[in-house]
Amino acid sequence: MSTPLHVLLIEDSEIDALMIVRELKRNGYEPVFERVERAEAFTAALEKQTWDIILADHKLPQFSDVEALQSVRERGLDIPFIIVSGTIGEEAAVAAMKAGAYDYVLKDNLARLVPAVRRALEEAELRRKAKETEEARRQAEERYRLVVENAGEAILVVQDEKIKFFNAAAERLFGYGPETVPADYTYLDVIHPEDRDQVRERYRQRMEGDVLPYRYIYRFFDRQGRMHWGEINSVFLPWEGRPASLVFINDITERKLAEEQIIKAKEEWERTFDSVPDLIAIVDKEFRVTRVNRAMADRLDLTPREMIGKRCYELFHGQAGPPAYCPHNAVIQENRGKAAEFFEPRLNGYFFLTATPLPGTESVIHVFRDISDRKRAEEKILQGAEQLRKAMTGIVQTMAATVEVKDPYTAGHQRRVADLAQAIAAEMGLDENRCLGIHMAGMIHDLGKLSVPAEILSKPTPLTEIEMSLIRVHPQAGYEILKGVEFPWPVARMILEHHERINGSGYPQGLKGEAISPEARILAVADVVEAIASFRPYRPARGIETALQEIEAQQGILYDAQAVQACLRLFREKGYRLG
């Protein structure tokens, strides 16, 4: 199989050119050639494509081999150049060889041509490979130089404990460079005194071939005397014909300081965790305890290690499953905190539990606050409050009885008004405490009648204007009696205003609308209904329906409309009866 060969022929004889081509073909080549005679054509051919070899006649009428060699050299081309001439003197041949020709062959001895071409091509290939190798080496060295100079790590070459090389990062780290490092300065001078023996020992072990860890952490100083932490790795390499250490140093000072802060924070957190008096447990989604504080362990007379991995409901509650009030699952599902209050015999007390998601995990922090003392205090307060309420009720009932002794014809009136007023308040949606206050006020709403002469209270005939004016004093009189008593409700004010009317026609102050307290407006409706429906010394009972018709007709005029509607519902829809 023929070998392709791109040949540029400098030849003015077409016949000679064909002879050369035929010789190449006879010896295994497949020439692709171009013949030129002038310098311009030669230059154009060089620029047009790449040639494997140039075969040139010694001297053409308008061009010569020396001129051609000069043109090739000026372009920096490495193309084998062989002179093929009919005649050439020895002096001219030597000049051509010095100018860059590889060989010369006489046209009458073309048998030398192909061996000369082969040798020239082989040597050109060797030069090409050597050039590629050199370029690859140069590029590798440049890449290595760029890597070293731009590396984030400090890189040193240490030989006989002397620092022979600093990269840019090392210069920034230590504050020294090749020109500024003192002549007697050694690698050990930068190492912290407490770490130097270890560095020496590891250097010795490495020199003896021992297998050592890949990286170490040492302390070292920069030029200003500031201490750094360094993660150091070193390997052996030849440097200027002798063994040396290539040392890589990664400044981890910030990392070490951060680690120390983390350790310190962790220790502080653990101290805080264990010093909290509340019982604390961290529980995973499977109800397994992953951590407890000292208070929790002490309460159960266990060590924290004994509690880890156990189900929380077994440890804390002694049950085979979570108790009904346990918020653990809800906290995980909703990813928000929950709370519960309960008595736990196993933990020997009442507890307020807060369960909160632990960020970034599927665990929950359970904080058990012992509220046993508070619960006992609350129970005592409730007992005291109940005793006080009973005492107050007894006092109020005594006051009511005192009024009824003086006005026997209205016996039971205050109790019935109190019961009805309380029922109206409840129907209107008032809370239990306000309803109780209204009942208390109702029981003694006519307390002021103690200041009215008995004969007026029991007079069987209509009262005169003067007698009526005395009667109208009783709300103010009752207020004066009670205003200094500290009830939990505005009892004195309710008594003062229970005869006021929405349109201002009531007494004793002639208040209107919202100026009258809500409780007094309710009490007024109950008082009117009971008074109309019941017997009086000066008239017979008029009945409940008459009473209801009266308040219904005057709702919003004399009486509060909401209180009237609530009263009507009680009697007409819910079967309420005056007791």
Protein backbone atom coordinates (compact mmCIF):
# COMPACT_ATOMS: atom_id res chain seq x y z
CA MET A 1 0.00 0.00 0.00
CA SER A 2 1.46 3.37 -1.06
CA THR A 3 2.23 6.08 1.49
CA PRO A 4 0.71 9.48 0.71
CA LEU A 5 3.34 12.21 0.43
CA HIS A 6 2.75 15.93 -0.11
CA VAL A 7 5.70 17.20 -2.15
CA LEU A 8 6.49 20.80 -3.11
CA LEU A 9 8.81 20.76 -6.17
CA ILE A 10 10.95 23.75 -7.05
CA GLU A 11 11.81 22.78 -10.64
CA ASP A 12 11.78 24.56 -14.00
CA SER A 13 11.86 21.32 -15.99
CA GLU A 14 8.57 19.46 -16.16
CA ILE A 15 10.39 16.35 -17.43
CA ASP A 16 12.78 16.35 -14.47
CA ALA A 17 9.83 16.87 -12.12
CA LEU A 18 8.05 13.82 -13.58
CA MET A 19 11.22 11.76 -13.22
CA ILE A 20 11.40 12.65 -9.52
CA VAL A 21 7.73 11.82 -9.00
CA ARG A 22 8.12 8.51 -10.82
CA GLU A 23 11.07 7.61 -8.61
CA LEU A 24 9.02 8.28 -5.49
CA LYS A 25 6.13 6.17 -6.79
CA ARG A 26 8.46 3.28 -7.64
CA ASN A 27 9.55 3.20 -4.01
CA GLY A 28 6.19 3.07 -2.30
CA TYR A 29 5.03 6.66 -2.15
CA GLU A 30 1.90 8.24 -3.58
CA PRO A 31 3.04 11.80 -4.23
CA VAL A 32 0.61 14.70 -4.23
CA PHE A 33 2.77 17.45 -5.66
CA GLU A 34 2.92 20.97 -6.95
CA ARG A 35 5.72 22.35 -9.16
CA VAL A 36 6.78 26.00 -8.86
CA GLU A 37 9.45 28.05 -10.60
CA ARG A 38 9.20 31.49 -9.03
CA ALA A 39 9.43 32.89 -5.49
CA GLU A 40 5.87 34.20 -5.54
CA ALA A 41 4.45 30.82 -6.48
CA PHE A 42 6.61 29.13 -3.83
CA THR A 43 5.35 31.52 -1.13
CA ALA A 44 1.74 31.03 -2.21
CA ALA A 45 2.15 27.24 -2.07
CA LEU A 46 3.62 27.40 1.46
CA GLU A 47 0.64 29.44 2.67
CA LYS A 48 -1.93 27.32 0.84
CA GLN A 49 -1.29 23.98 2.59
CA THR A 50 1.07 21.84 4.65
CA TRP A 51 3.87 19.99 2.89
CA ASP A 52 5.69 16.84 3.97
CA ILE A 53 8.90 17.62 2.02
CA ILE A 54 10.41 20.20 -0.34
CA LEU A 55 12.55 18.99 -3.29
CA ALA A 56 14.37 21.89 -4.97
CA ASP A 57 16.65 22.34 -7.98
CA HIS A 58 19.81 24.17 -7.08
CA LYS A 59 19.40 27.16 -9.30
CA LEU A 60 16.51 28.29 -11.46
CA PRO A 61 16.63 31.25 -13.79
CA GLN A 62 14.42 33.35 -11.47
CA PHE A 63 14.71 31.49 -8.12
CA SER A 64 17.29 29.54 -6.12
CA ASP A 65 17.40 26.92 -3.38
CA VAL A 66 19.00 29.39 -0.94
CA GLU A 67 16.16 31.86 -1.44
CA ALA A 68 13.65 29.08 -0.88
CA LEU A 69 15.41 27.97 2.35
CA GLN A 70 15.39 31.55 3.62
CA SER A 71 11.64 31.83 2.95
CA VAL A 72 10.98 28.59 4.86
CA ARG A 73 13.13 29.72 7.78
CA GLU A 74 11.43 33.12 7.97
CA ARG A 75 8.08 31.40 8.39
CA GLY A 76 9.37 29.15 11.16
CA LEU A 77 8.47 26.00 9.22
CA ASP A 78 10.18 22.67 9.90
CA ILE A 79 9.84 21.01 6.46
CA PRO A 80 12.61 18.65 5.24
CA PHE A 81 14.41 20.35 2.33
CA ILE A 82 16.42 18.25 -0.14
CA ILE A 83 18.29 19.68 -3.15
CA VAL A 84 17.87 17.65 -6.35
CA SER A 85 20.11 19.15 -9.03
CA GLY A 86 21.77 18.20 -12.27
CA THR A 87 24.98 19.83 -11.14
CA ILE A 88 26.08 21.53 -7.93
CA GLY A 89 29.52 22.37 -6.76
CA GLU A 90 30.84 21.25 -3.40
CA GLU A 91 31.03 24.79 -2.12
CA ALA A 92 27.41 25.50 -3.13
CA ALA A 93 26.26 22.23 -1.53
CA VAL A 94 27.97 23.12 1.80
CA ALA A 95 26.37 26.57 1.73
CA ALA A 96 22.95 25.05 1.11
CA MET A 97 23.42 22.55 3.98
CA LYS A 98 24.39 25.41 6.30
CA ALA A 99 21.34 27.33 5.14
CA GLY A 100 19.13 24.44 6.29
CA ALA A 101 19.02 21.87 3.50
CA TYR A 102 18.88 18.29 4.80
CA ASP A 103 20.73 16.65 1.86
CA TYR A 104 21.42 16.97 -1.85
CA VAL A 105 20.97 14.38 -4.64
CA LEU A 106 22.22 14.58 -8.21
CA LYS A 107 19.66 14.00 -10.92
CA ASP A 108 21.86 11.41 -12.57
CA ASN A 109 21.81 9.40 -9.33
CA LEU A 110 18.12 9.42 -8.31
CA ALA A 111 18.56 6.05 -6.60
CA ARG A 112 19.74 8.11 -3.58
CA LEU A 113 16.61 10.19 -3.57
CA VAL A 114 14.16 7.91 -1.76
CA PRO A 115 16.58 6.88 1.06
CA ALA A 116 17.37 10.55 1.59
CA VAL A 117 13.63 11.38 1.68
CA ARG A 118 12.96 8.59 4.18
CA ARG A 119 15.73 9.73 6.51
CA ALA A 120 14.60 13.34 6.27
CA LEU A 121 11.00 12.41 7.05
CA GLU A 122 12.03 10.19 9.97
CA GLU A 123 14.20 12.91 11.47
CA ALA A 124 11.45 15.47 10.95
CA GLU A 125 9.02 13.17 12.78
CA LEU A 126 11.50 12.80 15.64
CA ARG A 127 11.89 16.59 15.82
CA ARG A 128 8.08 16.98 15.76
CA LYS A 129 7.62 14.53 18.62
CA ALA A 130 10.47 16.07 20.61
CA LYS A 131 8.90 19.48 20.08
CA GLU A 132 5.49 18.19 21.18
CA THR A 133 7.07 16.60 24.25
CA GLU A 134 8.88 19.81 25.11
CA GLU A 135 5.71 21.83 24.61
CA ALA A 136 3.72 19.41 26.77
CA ARG A 137 6.43 19.66 29.45
CA ARG A 138 6.40 23.45 29.22
CA GLN A 139 2.58 23.54 29.45
CA ALA A 140 2.61 21.11 32.38
CA GLU A 141 5.18 23.26 34.16
CA GLU A 142 3.09 26.35 33.46
CA ARG A 143 -0.05 24.65 34.71
CA TYR A 144 1.82 23.47 37.81
CA ARG A 145 3.18 26.97 38.36
CA LEU A 146 -0.30 28.48 38.01
CA VAL A 147 -1.79 25.87 40.36
CA VAL A 148 0.91 26.41 42.95
CA GLU A 149 0.85 30.20 42.73
CA ASN A 150 -2.94 30.40 42.81
CA ALA A 151 -3.56 27.62 45.30
CA GLY A 152 -5.59 28.54 48.38
CA GLU A 153 -3.28 26.39 50.48
CA ALA A 154 0.14 27.58 51.55
CA ILE A 155 2.84 25.48 49.83
CA LEU A 156 6.42 25.23 51.04
CA VAL A 157 9.47 23.25 49.99
CA VAL A 158 11.54 22.34 53.06
CA GLN A 159 15.05 20.93 52.76
CA ASP A 160 17.34 20.38 55.74
CA GLU A 161 14.75 22.26 57.84
CA LYS A 162 15.26 25.36 55.66
CA ILE A 163 12.37 26.80 53.67
CA LYS A 164 13.45 26.79 50.01
CA PHE A 165 10.19 27.86 48.39
CA PHE A 166 7.07 29.88 49.31
CA ASN A 167 4.04 30.13 47.08
CA ALA A 168 1.88 33.27 47.14
CA ALA A 169 -0.52 31.83 49.72
CA ALA A 170 2.41 30.93 52.00
CA GLU A 171 3.78 34.45 51.68
CA ARG A 172 0.41 35.89 52.69
CA LEU A 173 0.08 33.44 55.58
CA PHE A 174 3.55 33.72 57.08
CA GLY A 175 4.44 37.24 56.01
CA TYR A 176 7.72 36.00 54.50
CA GLY A 177 8.82 35.42 50.93
CA PRO A 178 11.96 34.01 49.33
CA GLU A 179 13.67 37.42 49.51
CA THR A 180 12.55 38.37 53.04
CA VAL A 181 13.00 35.13 54.99
CA PRO A 182 16.09 35.34 57.27
CA ALA A 183 19.03 33.19 56.23
CA ASP A 184 19.02 31.23 59.49
CA TYR A 185 15.24 30.81 59.52
CA THR A 186 14.10 27.16 59.72
CA TYR A 187 10.78 25.46 59.26
CA LEU A 188 10.70 24.61 62.96
CA ASP A 189 10.92 28.31 63.82
CA VAL A 190 7.33 28.78 62.64
CA ILE A 191 6.02 25.74 64.55
CA HIS A 192 4.58 26.23 68.03
CA PRO A 193 7.20 25.14 70.62
CA GLU A 194 4.83 22.54 72.08
CA ASP A 195 4.43 20.89 68.63
CA ARG A 196 8.07 20.90 67.45
CA ASP A 197 9.11 17.53 68.92
CA GLN A 198 6.13 15.88 67.28
CA VAL A 199 7.03 17.46 63.92
CA ARG A 200 10.65 16.26 64.22
CA GLU A 201 9.55 12.73 65.14
CA ARG A 202 7.12 12.43 62.29
CA TYR A 203 9.72 13.77 59.87
CA ARG A 204 12.16 11.11 61.07
CA GLN A 205 9.54 8.35 60.80
CA ARG A 206 8.63 9.42 57.29
CA MET A 207 12.31 9.47 56.25
CA GLU A 208 12.62 5.91 57.56
CA GLY A 209 9.65 4.82 55.43
CA ASP A 210 7.04 4.46 58.16
CA VAL A 211 3.40 4.72 57.07
CA LEU A 212 1.91 7.78 58.79
CA PRO A 213 -1.43 9.55 58.71
CA TYR A 214 -2.07 11.68 55.64
CA ARG A 215 -2.75 14.91 57.52
CA TYR A 216 -1.75 16.49 60.82
CA ILE A 217 -2.89 19.53 62.73
CA TYR A 218 -0.21 21.79 64.18
CA ARG A 219 0.02 25.30 65.56
CA PHE A 220 2.37 27.82 63.95
CA PHE A 221 3.23 31.53 64.04
CA ASP A 222 3.35 34.16 61.32
CA ARG A 223 5.87 36.97 61.02
CA GLN A 224 3.84 39.16 63.43
CA GLY A 225 3.81 36.42 66.06
CA ARG A 226 0.14 35.57 65.65
CA MET A 227 -0.70 31.93 66.26
CA HIS A 228 -2.55 29.92 63.61
CA TRP A 229 -3.93 26.40 63.42
CA GLY A 230 -2.82 24.53 60.34
CA GLU A 231 -3.91 21.28 58.71
CA ILE A 232 -0.63 20.02 57.23
CA ASN A 233 0.25 17.38 54.66
CA SER A 234 3.71 16.68 53.31
CA VAL A 235 5.27 14.43 50.66
CA PHE A 236 8.88 13.86 49.66
CA LEU A 237 10.23 15.08 46.32
CA PRO A 238 13.67 15.73 44.84
CA TRP A 239 14.70 19.39 44.95
CA GLU A 240 17.86 20.46 43.18
CA GLY A 241 19.06 16.85 43.26
CA ARG A 242 18.45 16.22 46.95
CA PRO A 243 15.47 14.98 49.02
CA ALA A 244 13.04 17.63 50.27
CA SER A 245 9.53 17.88 51.67
CA LEU A 246 6.69 19.44 49.75
CA VAL A 247 4.47 20.82 52.53
CA PHE A 248 0.83 21.86 52.09
CA ILE A 249 -0.69 24.00 54.86
CA ASN A 250 -4.37 24.80 55.12
CA ASP A 251 -5.03 27.60 57.64
CA ILE A 252 -7.93 26.26 59.76
CA THR A 253 -7.72 28.91 62.49
CA GLU A 254 -11.25 30.18 61.88
CA ARG A 255 -12.56 26.63 61.80
CA LYS A 256 -10.79 25.76 65.06
CA LEU A 257 -12.13 28.91 66.73
CA ALA A 258 -15.62 28.06 65.45
CA GLU A 259 -15.23 24.48 66.74
CA GLU A 260 -14.16 25.81 70.13
CA GLN A 261 -17.18 28.10 70.18
CA ILE A 262 -19.42 25.19 69.23
CA ILE A 263 -17.92 23.00 71.96
CA LYS A 264 -18.27 25.83 74.46
CA ALA A 265 -21.87 26.48 73.38
CA LYS A 266 -22.62 22.75 73.58
CA GLU A 267 -21.17 22.56 77.09
CA GLU A 268 -23.13 25.64 78.14
CA TRP A 269 -26.28 24.21 76.60
CA GLU A 270 -25.77 20.90 78.40
CA ARG A 271 -25.20 22.70 81.69
CA THR A 272 -28.31 24.78 81.11
CA PHE A 273 -30.30 21.73 80.01
CA ASP A 274 -29.36 19.86 83.15
CA SER A 275 -29.84 22.84 85.46
CA VAL A 276 -33.44 23.54 84.40
CA PRO A 277 -35.77 22.45 87.22
CA ASP A 278 -38.52 21.48 84.77
CA LEU A 279 -38.54 17.87 83.59
CA ILE A 280 -37.38 17.80 79.96
CA ALA A 281 -37.34 14.96 77.45
CA ILE A 282 -36.65 14.89 73.71
CA VAL A 283 -38.81 12.23 72.04
CA ASP A 284 -38.67 11.01 68.43
CA LYS A 285 -41.67 10.28 66.19
CA GLU A 286 -41.76 6.67 67.43
CA PHE A 287 -42.23 7.89 71.02
CA ARG A 288 -38.67 6.86 71.90
CA VAL A 289 -36.73 9.04 74.35
CA THR A 290 -33.50 10.36 72.82
CA ARG A 291 -32.45 12.70 75.63
CA VAL A 292 -33.55 13.74 79.12
CA ASN A 293 -32.29 16.31 81.58
CA ARG A 294 -31.10 15.57 85.08
CA ALA A 295 -34.37 16.67 86.71
CA MET A 296 -36.36 14.12 84.68
CA ALA A 297 -33.94 11.30 85.46
CA ASP A 298 -33.89 12.16 89.16
CA ARG A 299 -37.70 12.28 89.33
CA LEU A 300 -37.87 8.70 88.04
CA ASP A 301 -34.79 7.61 90.05
CA LEU A 302 -33.03 6.52 86.87
CA THR A 303 -29.88 7.56 85.01
CA PRO A 304 -30.28 9.34 81.65
CA ARG A 305 -28.55 6.40 79.94
CA GLU A 306 -31.18 4.00 81.32
CA MET A 307 -33.95 6.12 79.82
CA ILE A 308 -32.60 6.56 76.29
CA GLY A 309 -34.44 4.43 73.70
CA LYS A 310 -37.42 3.69 75.97
CA ARG A 311 -40.98 4.59 75.00
CA CYS A 312 -41.98 7.81 76.72
CA TYR A 313 -45.45 6.56 77.69
CA GLU A 314 -43.89 3.54 79.43
CA LEU A 315 -41.34 5.66 81.28
CA PHE A 316 -43.44 8.67 82.23
CA HIS A 317 -46.93 7.21 82.50
CA GLY A 318 -46.44 3.47 83.03
CA GLN A 319 -48.80 2.69 80.15
CA ALA A 320 -48.66 0.48 77.07
CA GLY A 321 -49.58 3.42 74.83
CA PRO A 322 -49.78 7.21 74.89
CA PRO A 323 -52.47 8.65 77.21
CA ALA A 324 -55.45 10.43 75.68
CA TYR A 325 -54.15 13.89 76.56
CA CYS A 326 -50.70 13.29 75.01
CA PRO A 327 -50.08 15.94 72.31
CA HIS A 328 -47.02 14.23 70.74
CA ASN A 329 -48.61 12.99 67.49
CA ALA A 330 -50.52 16.24 66.95
CA VAL A 331 -47.30 18.25 67.32
CA ILE A 332 -45.53 16.14 64.66
CA GLN A 333 -48.48 16.20 62.24
CA GLU A 334 -49.24 19.93 62.60
CA ASN A 335 -45.64 21.06 63.24
CA ARG A 336 -46.68 23.42 66.00
CA GLY A 337 -46.61 23.41 69.77
CA LYS A 338 -49.30 21.92 71.98
CA ALA A 339 -49.97 21.91 75.71
CA ALA A 340 -51.76 19.74 78.26
CA GLU A 341 -52.35 19.76 82.01
CA PHE A 342 -52.71 16.56 84.01
CA PHE A 343 -51.97 14.66 87.20
CA GLU A 344 -49.36 11.92 86.77
CA PRO A 345 -48.98 9.48 89.68
CA ARG A 346 -45.77 8.01 88.22
CA LEU A 347 -44.16 11.45 88.29
CA ASN A 348 -45.90 12.20 91.60
CA GLY A 349 -47.56 15.49 90.80
CA TYR A 350 -49.65 17.80 88.66
CA PHE A 351 -47.89 18.93 85.48
CA PHE A 352 -48.30 21.49 82.73
CA LEU A 353 -46.82 19.91 79.60
CA THR A 354 -45.64 21.90 76.59
CA ALA A 355 -44.66 19.87 73.52
CA THR A 356 -42.78 21.75 70.81
CA PRO A 357 -41.27 20.58 67.47
CA LEU A 358 -37.48 20.39 67.47
CA PRO A 359 -36.45 22.32 64.31
CA GLY A 360 -34.79 20.27 61.59
CA THR A 361 -35.83 16.93 63.11
CA GLU A 362 -38.86 14.71 63.55
CA SER A 363 -38.50 14.94 67.31
CA VAL A 364 -40.48 16.84 69.95
CA ILE A 365 -39.25 18.58 73.11
CA HIS A 366 -41.50 17.74 76.06
CA VAL A 367 -41.24 20.11 79.03
CA PHE A 368 -43.07 18.99 82.18
CA ARG A 369 -43.54 21.85 84.65
CA ASP A 370 -44.52 20.69 88.11
CA ILE A 371 -47.58 22.74 89.10
CA SER A 372 -48.50 20.70 92.16
CA ASP A 373 -47.95 23.64 94.53
CA ARG A 374 -49.98 25.91 92.27
CA LYS A 375 -52.80 23.38 92.03
CA ARG A 376 -52.90 23.02 95.80
CA ALA A 377 -52.93 26.81 96.14
CA GLU A 378 -55.71 27.04 93.55
CA GLU A 379 -57.72 24.46 95.41
CA LYS A 380 -57.32 26.45 98.64
CA ILE A 381 -58.32 29.64 96.82
CA LEU A 382 -61.36 27.92 95.33
CA GLN A 383 -62.30 26.55 98.73
CA GLY A 384 -61.88 30.01 100.26
CA ALA A 385 -63.85 31.58 97.43
CA GLU A 386 -66.63 29.07 97.90
CA GLN A 387 -66.68 29.73 101.63
CA LEU A 388 -66.72 33.47 100.96
CA ARG A 389 -69.53 33.05 98.42
CA LYS A 390 -71.57 31.06 100.92
CA ALA A 391 -70.94 33.66 103.62
CA MET A 392 -71.86 36.47 101.22
CA THR A 393 -74.99 34.61 100.14
CA GLY A 394 -75.91 34.16 103.77
CA ILE A 395 -75.42 37.86 104.47
CA VAL A 396 -77.45 38.82 101.42
CA GLN A 397 -80.22 36.42 102.40
CA THR A 398 -80.19 37.91 105.91
CA MET A 399 -80.51 41.39 104.41
CA ALA A 400 -83.37 40.20 102.21
CA ALA A 401 -85.10 38.63 105.18
CA THR A 402 -84.73 41.90 107.10
CA VAL A 403 -86.51 43.76 104.31
CA GLU A 404 -89.29 41.17 104.18
CA VAL A 405 -89.82 41.39 107.95
CA LYS A 406 -90.51 45.09 107.51
CA ASP A 407 -92.62 44.57 104.37
CA PRO A 408 -94.31 41.18 104.78
CA TYR A 409 -96.73 41.83 101.92
CA THR A 410 -93.79 41.62 99.45
CA ALA A 411 -92.32 38.52 101.07
CA GLY A 412 -90.50 36.47 98.41
CA HIS A 413 -90.51 39.36 95.92
CA GLN A 414 -86.73 39.92 96.05
CA ARG A 415 -85.95 36.18 95.67
CA ARG A 416 -88.32 35.83 92.70
CA VAL A 417 -86.88 38.96 91.06
CA ALA A 418 -83.35 37.63 91.67
CA ASP A 419 -84.17 34.22 90.13
CA LEU A 420 -85.89 35.76 87.10
CA ALA A 421 -83.14 38.35 86.53
CA GLN A 422 -80.51 35.60 86.66
CA ALA A 423 -82.47 33.51 84.15
CA ILE A 424 -82.84 36.51 81.79
CA ALA A 425 -79.10 37.21 82.00
CA ALA A 426 -78.27 33.58 81.18
CA GLU A 427 -80.72 33.65 78.24
CA MET A 428 -78.91 36.74 76.93
CA GLY A 429 -75.59 34.87 77.02
CA LEU A 430 -73.93 36.62 79.95
CA ASP A 431 -71.23 34.58 81.67
CA GLU A 432 -71.91 32.67 84.85
CA ASN A 433 -70.12 35.16 87.10
CA ARG A 434 -72.17 38.15 85.88
CA CYS A 435 -75.35 36.09 86.23
CA LEU A 436 -74.41 35.33 89.84
CA GLY A 437 -73.80 39.04 90.53
CA ILE A 438 -77.23 39.95 89.12
CA HIS A 439 -78.82 37.32 91.37
CA MET A 440 -77.04 38.75 94.41
CA ALA A 441 -78.23 42.27 93.58
CA GLY A 442 -81.77 40.99 92.98
CA MET A 443 -81.88 39.38 96.42
CA ILE A 444 -81.43 42.79 98.09
CA HIS A 445 -82.55 45.24 95.41
CA ASP A 446 -85.19 46.69 97.79
CA LEU A 447 -82.78 46.97 100.73
CA GLY A 448 -83.37 50.73 100.75
CA LYS A 449 -86.99 50.20 101.88
CA LEU A 450 -85.60 49.80 105.36
CA SER A 451 -85.62 53.63 105.40
CA VAL A 452 -89.31 53.78 104.43
CA PRO A 453 -91.94 53.75 107.23
CA ALA A 454 -93.61 50.33 107.55
CA GLU A 455 -97.12 51.81 107.42
CA ILE A 456 -96.39 53.21 103.93
CA LEU A 457 -95.03 49.88 102.71
CA SER A 458 -98.14 48.00 103.91
CA LYS A 459 -100.75 50.70 103.14
CA PRO A 460 -103.75 48.97 101.48
CA THR A 461 -104.83 52.08 99.54
CA PRO A 462 -103.06 54.04 96.79
CA LEU A 463 -100.15 56.14 98.01
CA THR A 464 -100.19 59.92 98.10
CA GLU A 465 -97.63 61.94 96.18
CA ILE A 466 -95.63 62.52 99.38
CA GLU A 467 -95.70 58.80 100.24
CA MET A 468 -94.63 57.91 96.71
CA SER A 469 -91.70 60.32 96.97
CA LEU A 470 -90.62 58.50 100.12
CA ILE A 471 -90.85 55.18 98.28
CA ARG A 472 -88.74 56.56 95.42
CA VAL A 473 -85.91 57.21 97.85
CA HIS A 474 -85.32 53.50 98.45
CA PRO A 475 -82.86 52.88 95.49
CA GLN A 476 -80.63 55.72 96.71
CA ALA A 477 -80.97 54.54 100.30
CA GLY A 478 -79.99 51.00 99.33
CA TYR A 479 -77.00 52.36 97.38
CA GLU A 480 -75.84 54.37 100.39
CA ILE A 481 -76.00 51.27 102.59
CA LEU A 482 -73.96 49.11 100.16
CA LYS A 483 -71.58 51.51 98.41
CA GLY A 484 -68.82 50.79 100.92
CA VAL A 485 -69.17 47.01 100.61
CA GLU A 486 -66.61 45.46 98.20
CA PHE A 487 -68.68 42.93 96.25
CA PRO A 488 -67.11 41.19 93.23
CA TRP A 489 -69.87 42.81 91.16
CA PRO A 490 -71.38 46.34 90.94
CA VAL A 491 -74.20 45.43 93.31
CA ALA A 492 -74.65 48.95 94.74
CA ARG A 493 -74.94 50.45 91.25
CA MET A 494 -77.49 47.80 90.15
CA ILE A 495 -79.64 48.63 93.19
CA LEU A 496 -79.31 52.37 92.54
CA GLU A 497 -80.39 52.06 88.88
CA HIS A 498 -83.02 49.29 88.92
CA HIS A 499 -85.89 51.85 88.70
CA GLU A 500 -84.29 53.84 85.86
CA ARG A 501 -86.01 53.66 82.44
CA ILE A 502 -84.68 53.71 78.88
CA ASN A 503 -86.44 56.99 78.02
CA GLY A 504 -85.19 58.73 81.17
CA SER A 505 -88.52 58.68 83.02
CA GLY A 506 -87.22 56.51 85.88
CA TYR A 507 -85.68 57.44 89.20
CA PRO A 508 -83.68 58.46 91.19
CA GLN A 509 -81.30 59.94 88.53
CA GLY A 510 -83.39 59.95 85.39
CA LEU A 511 -80.73 58.06 83.43
CA LYS A 512 -81.31 57.12 79.77
CA GLY A 513 -80.37 54.18 77.54
CA GLU A 514 -76.76 53.07 77.70
CA ALA A 515 -76.11 55.26 80.75
CA ILE A 516 -77.96 52.61 82.74
CA SER A 517 -75.81 49.58 83.49
CA PRO A 518 -76.75 46.37 81.56
CA GLU A 519 -77.26 44.53 84.85
CA ALA A 520 -79.68 47.22 86.15
CA ARG A 521 -81.68 47.08 82.89
CA ILE A 522 -82.11 43.30 83.32
CA LEU A 523 -83.05 43.75 86.98
CA ALA A 524 -85.64 46.40 86.02
CA VAL A 525 -87.46 44.01 83.64
CA ALA A 526 -87.53 41.22 86.23
CA ASP A 527 -88.74 43.64 88.96
CA VAL A 528 -91.63 44.93 86.82
CA VAL A 529 -92.76 41.46 85.72
CA GLU A 530 -92.77 40.10 89.27
CA ALA A 531 -94.49 43.22 90.69
CA ILE A 532 -97.32 43.19 88.11
CA ALA A 533 -97.85 39.45 88.34
CA SER A 534 -97.92 39.36 92.16
CA PHE A 535 -100.24 40.60 94.92
CA ARG A 536 -99.78 44.06 96.42
CA PRO A 537 -101.53 45.54 99.51
CA TYR A 538 -103.31 48.11 97.36
CA ARG A 539 -104.33 45.72 94.52
CA PRO A 540 -104.73 42.05 93.64
CA ALA A 541 -102.23 40.11 91.44
CA ARG A 542 -102.70 41.03 87.77
CA GLY A 543 -101.13 37.84 86.39
CA ILE A 544 -98.04 36.96 84.39
CA GLU A 545 -99.59 37.56 80.96
CA THR A 546 -100.49 41.13 81.89
CA ALA A 547 -96.93 41.63 83.06
CA LEU A 548 -95.52 40.23 79.82
CA GLN A 549 -97.84 42.41 77.73
CA GLU A 550 -96.65 45.47 79.68
CA ILE A 551 -92.93 44.90 79.05
CA GLU A 552 -93.55 43.85 75.43
CA ALA A 553 -95.48 47.08 74.77
CA GLN A 554 -92.81 49.23 76.44
CA GLN A 555 -89.67 47.51 75.14
CA GLY A 556 -87.21 50.03 73.86
CA ILE A 557 -89.21 52.80 75.57
CA LEU A 558 -89.11 51.99 79.26
CA TYR A 559 -87.33 48.65 79.22
CA ASP A 560 -84.25 47.24 77.51
CA ALA A 561 -85.40 45.44 74.34
CA GLN A 562 -82.89 42.57 74.57
CA ALA A 563 -83.81 41.89 78.20
CA VAL A 564 -87.52 41.99 77.31
CA GLN A 565 -87.10 39.52 74.43
CA ALA A 566 -85.08 37.17 76.63
CA CYS A 567 -87.81 37.35 79.33
CA LEU A 568 -90.58 36.67 76.79
CA ARG A 569 -88.70 33.61 75.46
CA LEU A 570 -88.32 32.25 78.97
CA PHE A 571 -92.04 32.39 79.74
CA ARG A 572 -93.57 31.76 76.31
CA GLU A 573 -91.11 29.24 74.84
CA LYS A 574 -89.22 27.64 77.68
CA GLY A 575 -91.96 27.34 80.32
CA TYR A 576 -90.38 29.54 82.98
CA ARG A 577 -92.53 30.07 86.11
CA LEU A 578 -92.15 32.51 88.98
CA GLY A 579 -91.24 30.47 92.05
